[in-house]
Amino acid sequence: MTPDEPASHPAESPSPSAPAAPIHLRAAVAGDIPALVPLLLRLKRLNEEFDPLLKVRDDADAQARQVLRAQIADPKAVVLAAEGIGADKDKVVGFVRALVRERPFYAPEHEGVILDIYLLPLYRRRGVGEYLLREVSLALKARGAGVVTAEFPAQNEIAARFYAKRGFRPITAIHARSL
């Protein structure tokens, strides 16, 4: 494993009494795209429920394939596949998608942006999300990010609480209206 690769071992328990998180995390490859697309679209459809300005396009399936293909090949992007273990061995049950972008007016100069974290419901509330966040943060740091941010719908209070509990705070806001 190189420093910029995420760990490829099951997530550790957040506390001694909690069970180990049942995943194996690894860098996504092109062969994962058929398994990643439905998960990405589930997340985007969930986002649509938070705000009608996040309406999922009719061609979202094709767009997801194109975006994932490009980002898996992009050295500034991080796409991690979470596989189940045990009965779900080798089944992709979640993913993280992030990238490094420049901040021309601010220090640190490079920002790691978490675009998506998604886990199937069975894998939630077991320490897996925190493990994914830790591993994607390490991968972004290895790619030169000096700060990590997360983008999610403003009305997604679950995501806001998840990130706030882990030390994230709002630094910018995007406001929109239909034209």
Protein backbone atom coordinates (compact mmCIF):
# COMPACT_ATOMS: atom_id res chain seq x y z
CA MET A 1 0.00 0.00 0.00
CA THR A 2 1.41 3.42 -0.93
CA PRO A 3 0.79 6.51 1.22
CA ASP A 4 -1.91 7.82 -1.15
CA GLU A 5 -3.89 4.59 -1.20
CA PRO A 6 -6.58 4.00 1.39
CA ALA A 7 -6.24 1.12 3.77
CA SER A 8 -7.64 -2.15 2.47
CA HIS A 9 -8.84 -3.69 5.70
CA PRO A 10 -12.11 -3.83 7.60
CA ALA A 11 -13.05 -0.65 9.45
CA GLU A 12 -12.19 -0.57 13.10
CA SER A 13 -14.88 -0.22 15.74
CA PRO A 14 -15.51 3.32 16.97
CA SER A 15 -15.70 1.95 20.53
CA PRO A 16 -14.87 -1.37 22.21
CA SER A 17 -18.57 -2.26 22.56
CA ALA A 18 -19.48 -1.53 18.92
CA PRO A 19 -19.11 -4.28 16.31
CA ALA A 20 -16.44 -3.96 13.62
CA ALA A 21 -17.71 -2.25 10.49
CA PRO A 22 -18.22 -4.93 7.84
CA ILE A 23 -16.40 -3.43 4.86
CA HIS A 24 -13.24 -3.66 2.86
CA LEU A 25 -12.20 -0.28 1.40
CA ARG A 26 -10.14 0.09 -1.74
CA ALA A 27 -9.55 2.40 -4.68
CA ALA A 28 -12.30 2.01 -7.25
CA VAL A 29 -11.39 0.68 -10.70
CA ALA A 30 -13.18 0.94 -14.04
CA GLY A 31 -14.70 -2.51 -13.51
CA ASP A 32 -16.58 -1.12 -10.47
CA ILE A 33 -18.54 1.42 -12.51
CA PRO A 34 -21.60 -0.85 -13.07
CA ALA A 35 -21.88 -1.34 -9.29
CA LEU A 36 -21.12 2.31 -8.43
CA VAL A 37 -23.63 3.94 -10.81
CA PRO A 38 -26.79 2.71 -9.02
CA LEU A 39 -25.36 3.80 -5.65
CA LEU A 40 -24.45 7.24 -6.99
CA LEU A 41 -27.92 7.63 -8.51
CA ARG A 42 -29.58 6.57 -5.23
CA LEU A 43 -27.67 9.35 -3.49
CA LYS A 44 -28.55 11.93 -6.14
CA ARG A 45 -32.23 10.93 -5.95
CA LEU A 46 -32.06 11.33 -2.19
CA ASN A 47 -30.60 14.81 -2.73
CA GLU A 48 -33.54 15.57 -5.03
CA GLU A 49 -35.86 14.93 -2.07
CA PHE A 50 -34.08 17.70 -0.14
CA ASP A 51 -34.50 20.35 -2.83
CA PRO A 52 -36.28 20.50 -6.22
CA LEU A 53 -33.31 22.41 -7.68
CA LEU A 54 -31.41 19.13 -7.35
CA LYS A 55 -33.71 17.34 -9.82
CA VAL A 56 -31.97 14.30 -11.28
CA ARG A 57 -31.62 14.46 -15.06
CA ASP A 58 -33.12 11.86 -17.40
CA ASP A 59 -29.63 10.98 -18.64
CA ALA A 60 -28.15 10.72 -15.13
CA ASP A 61 -27.15 7.08 -15.65
CA ALA A 62 -24.95 7.96 -18.64
CA GLN A 63 -23.61 11.03 -16.86
CA ALA A 64 -22.71 8.97 -13.79
CA ARG A 65 -20.79 6.49 -15.94
CA GLN A 66 -18.89 9.29 -17.65
CA VAL A 67 -18.06 11.14 -14.41
CA LEU A 68 -16.95 7.99 -12.61
CA ARG A 69 -14.81 6.84 -15.55
CA ALA A 70 -13.07 10.24 -15.67
CA GLN A 71 -12.56 10.53 -11.93
CA ILE A 72 -11.27 6.99 -11.45
CA ALA A 73 -8.54 7.87 -13.98
CA ASP A 74 -7.87 11.38 -12.55
CA PRO A 75 -4.85 11.58 -10.19
CA LYS A 76 -6.45 14.58 -8.40
CA ALA A 77 -9.66 12.63 -7.68
CA VAL A 78 -10.36 9.94 -5.10
CA VAL A 79 -13.00 7.29 -5.73
CA LEU A 80 -13.13 4.58 -3.10
CA ALA A 81 -15.28 1.45 -3.25
CA ALA A 82 -16.53 -0.09 -0.01
CA GLU A 83 -17.10 -3.83 -0.31
CA GLY A 84 -18.98 -5.92 2.17
CA ILE A 85 -17.36 -8.87 3.89
CA GLY A 86 -18.88 -12.16 4.92
CA ALA A 87 -22.10 -12.80 2.97
CA ASP A 88 -21.56 -9.54 1.01
CA LYS A 89 -17.92 -10.32 0.17
CA ASP A 90 -16.91 -8.62 -3.09
CA LYS A 91 -20.23 -6.70 -3.30
CA VAL A 92 -19.86 -2.91 -3.51
CA VAL A 93 -22.03 -1.55 -0.67
CA GLY A 94 -20.87 2.06 -0.67
CA PHE A 95 -18.45 4.56 -2.08
CA VAL A 96 -16.72 7.89 -1.57
CA ARG A 97 -16.06 10.40 -4.32
CA ALA A 98 -13.76 13.39 -3.75
CA LEU A 99 -11.29 15.63 -5.54
CA VAL A 100 -8.54 18.13 -4.92
CA ARG A 101 -9.07 21.64 -6.20
CA GLU A 102 -6.97 24.77 -6.03
CA ARG A 103 -7.78 27.73 -3.82
CA PRO A 104 -5.99 30.59 -5.62
CA PHE A 105 -6.78 33.21 -2.95
CA TYR A 106 -6.48 31.19 0.24
CA ALA A 107 -4.02 29.16 2.24
CA PRO A 108 -3.73 26.26 2.22
CA GLU A 109 -3.67 26.36 -1.55
CA HIS A 110 -5.34 22.98 -2.14
CA GLU A 111 -8.70 21.82 -0.84
CA GLY A 112 -9.90 18.24 -0.68
CA VAL A 113 -13.61 18.27 -1.48
CA ILE A 114 -15.76 15.31 -0.49
CA LEU A 115 -18.48 15.26 -3.12
CA ASP A 116 -20.29 12.08 -2.10
CA ILE A 117 -20.30 9.49 0.64
CA TYR A 118 -22.92 6.80 0.31
CA LEU A 119 -23.54 3.51 2.10
CA LEU A 120 -26.39 1.09 1.71
CA PRO A 121 -28.69 1.39 4.77
CA LEU A 122 -27.56 -1.93 6.26
CA TYR A 123 -24.02 -0.53 6.66
CA ARG A 124 -24.95 2.76 8.32
CA ARG A 125 -24.57 3.66 12.02
CA ARG A 126 -21.82 1.08 12.51
CA GLY A 127 -18.75 3.33 12.27
CA VAL A 128 -18.37 2.82 8.52
CA GLY A 129 -19.06 6.45 7.57
CA GLU A 130 -16.47 7.71 10.02
CA TYR A 131 -13.98 5.18 8.65
CA LEU A 132 -14.72 6.32 5.07
CA LEU A 133 -14.25 9.94 6.10
CA ARG A 134 -10.92 9.18 7.77
CA GLU A 135 -9.60 7.22 4.79
CA VAL A 136 -10.71 9.71 2.14
CA SER A 137 -9.17 12.52 4.21
CA LEU A 138 -5.85 10.65 4.25
CA ALA A 139 -6.03 10.07 0.48
CA LEU A 140 -6.80 13.76 -0.15
CA LYS A 141 -3.93 14.83 2.09
CA ALA A 142 -1.59 12.51 0.14
CA ARG A 143 -2.71 14.33 -3.04
CA GLY A 144 -1.74 17.71 -1.57
CA ALA A 145 -4.91 18.93 0.15
CA GLY A 146 -4.30 21.06 3.23
CA VAL A 147 -7.97 21.34 4.20
CA VAL A 148 -10.93 19.03 3.62
CA THR A 149 -14.49 20.20 2.91
CA ALA A 150 -17.73 18.38 2.22
CA GLU A 151 -20.49 19.36 -0.18
CA PHE A 152 -24.07 18.22 0.44
CA PRO A 153 -27.60 19.67 0.19
CA ALA A 154 -28.20 22.47 2.69
CA GLN A 155 -31.39 20.76 3.91
CA ASN A 156 -29.62 17.46 4.64
CA GLU A 157 -29.52 17.72 8.42
CA ILE A 158 -28.19 14.18 8.79
CA ALA A 159 -25.09 15.07 6.76
CA ALA A 160 -24.72 18.38 8.60
CA ARG A 161 -24.75 16.58 11.98
CA PHE A 162 -22.40 13.84 10.70
CA TYR A 163 -19.77 16.35 9.58
CA ALA A 164 -20.23 18.75 12.53
CA LYS A 165 -19.68 15.88 14.97
CA ARG A 166 -16.33 15.30 13.25
CA GLY A 167 -15.11 18.89 13.43
CA PHE A 168 -16.42 20.32 10.15
CA ARG A 169 -18.07 23.76 10.11
CA PRO A 170 -19.63 25.90 7.38
CA ILE A 171 -17.21 28.24 5.58
CA THR A 172 -19.16 29.18 2.44
CA ALA A 173 -22.76 29.01 1.29
CA ILE A 174 -24.29 28.60 -2.15
CA HIS A 175 -27.68 30.18 -2.71
CA ALA A 176 -29.75 29.44 -5.81
CA ARG A 177 -32.98 30.26 -7.61
CA SER A 178 -34.56 28.95 -10.78
CA LEU A 179 -34.39 31.03 -13.95
